[in-house]
Amino acid sequence: MNDHIFVEMLIQYITDATPLEESLVRVIISHSSFIEMLKEDEEFVGHYPLEYWAQQVLDETVQRMRSALDALQKNN
């Protein structure tokens, strides 16, 4: 499957499954390790369903947010 199509399908899946706006989902995906993985090994990515990648992207985002909050709390 074309990388661009897969990314668009992932964006649509996350947008439909969450209260997040599409523009934010695009930013989240663009800053996730998913994009690099897709560039490195499209075949590997294609072996997993959209639901799997959505969960991976969202879990990674939550972890980054927790780390950022921890850093903020340490500075206050």
Protein backbone atom coordinates (compact mmCIF):
# COMPACT_ATOMS: atom_id res chain seq x y z
CA MET A 1 0.00 0.00 0.00
CA ASN A 2 1.15 3.52 -0.75
CA ASP A 3 2.69 5.23 2.33
CA HIS A 4 0.61 8.37 1.85
CA ILE A 5 -2.62 6.40 1.68
CA PHE A 6 -1.74 4.42 4.81
CA VAL A 7 -0.95 7.63 6.73
CA GLU A 8 -4.22 9.21 5.59
CA MET A 9 -6.13 6.11 6.67
CA LEU A 10 -4.40 6.22 10.06
CA ILE A 11 -5.26 9.90 10.47
CA GLN A 12 -8.88 9.18 9.63
CA TYR A 13 -9.00 6.20 11.98
CA ILE A 14 -7.63 8.17 14.95
CA THR A 15 -9.84 11.17 14.17
CA ASP A 16 -12.93 8.95 14.06
CA ALA A 17 -11.97 6.98 17.18
CA THR A 18 -11.03 9.92 19.41
CA PRO A 19 -12.22 13.45 20.15
CA LEU A 20 -9.00 14.83 18.63
CA GLU A 21 -9.20 17.27 15.72
CA GLU A 22 -7.71 16.09 12.44
CA SER A 23 -5.12 18.88 12.44
CA LEU A 24 -3.84 17.75 15.84
CA VAL A 25 -3.79 14.10 14.75
CA ARG A 26 -1.65 15.10 11.76
CA VAL A 27 0.85 16.81 14.08
CA ILE A 28 0.88 13.87 16.49
CA ILE A 29 1.55 11.38 13.69
CA SER A 30 4.20 13.58 12.09
CA HIS A 31 6.09 13.70 15.40
CA SER A 32 5.73 10.00 16.13
CA SER A 33 8.21 7.23 15.47
CA PHE A 34 5.57 5.67 13.20
CA ILE A 35 6.62 7.89 10.28
CA GLU A 36 10.26 6.86 10.57
CA MET A 37 9.27 3.21 10.86
CA LEU A 38 7.09 3.52 7.76
CA LYS A 39 10.02 5.02 5.83
CA GLU A 40 12.40 2.30 7.01
CA ASP A 41 10.19 -0.75 6.61
CA GLU A 42 6.87 -0.27 4.83
CA GLU A 43 6.32 -4.02 4.62
CA PHE A 44 6.63 -4.42 8.40
CA VAL A 45 4.16 -1.59 9.01
CA GLY A 46 1.75 -3.11 6.52
CA HIS A 47 1.60 -6.37 8.47
CA TYR A 48 -0.21 -4.66 11.35
CA PRO A 49 -3.72 -3.18 11.25
CA LEU A 50 -4.55 0.49 11.62
CA GLU A 51 -5.84 -0.16 15.14
CA TYR A 52 -2.40 -1.35 16.20
CA TRP A 53 -0.61 1.70 14.80
CA ALA A 54 -3.22 4.07 16.21
CA GLN A 55 -2.64 2.61 19.66
CA GLN A 56 1.14 2.81 19.23
CA VAL A 57 1.01 6.44 18.12
CA LEU A 58 -1.34 7.46 20.92
CA ASP A 59 0.62 5.54 23.57
CA GLU A 60 3.83 7.21 22.41
CA THR A 61 2.15 10.62 22.56
CA VAL A 62 0.86 10.03 26.08
CA GLN A 63 4.34 8.94 27.19
CA ARG A 64 5.90 12.08 25.72
CA MET A 65 3.30 14.24 27.44
CA ARG A 66 3.95 12.52 30.79
CA SER A 67 7.67 13.09 30.38
CA ALA A 68 7.08 16.75 29.55
CA LEU A 69 4.82 17.16 32.60
CA ASP A 70 7.41 15.47 34.82
CA ALA A 71 10.06 17.87 33.54
CA LEU A 72 7.81 20.85 34.21
CA GLN A 73 7.10 19.68 37.74
CA LYS A 74 10.81 19.25 38.46
CA ASN A 75 11.44 22.83 37.32
CA ASN A 76 8.76 24.27 39.61
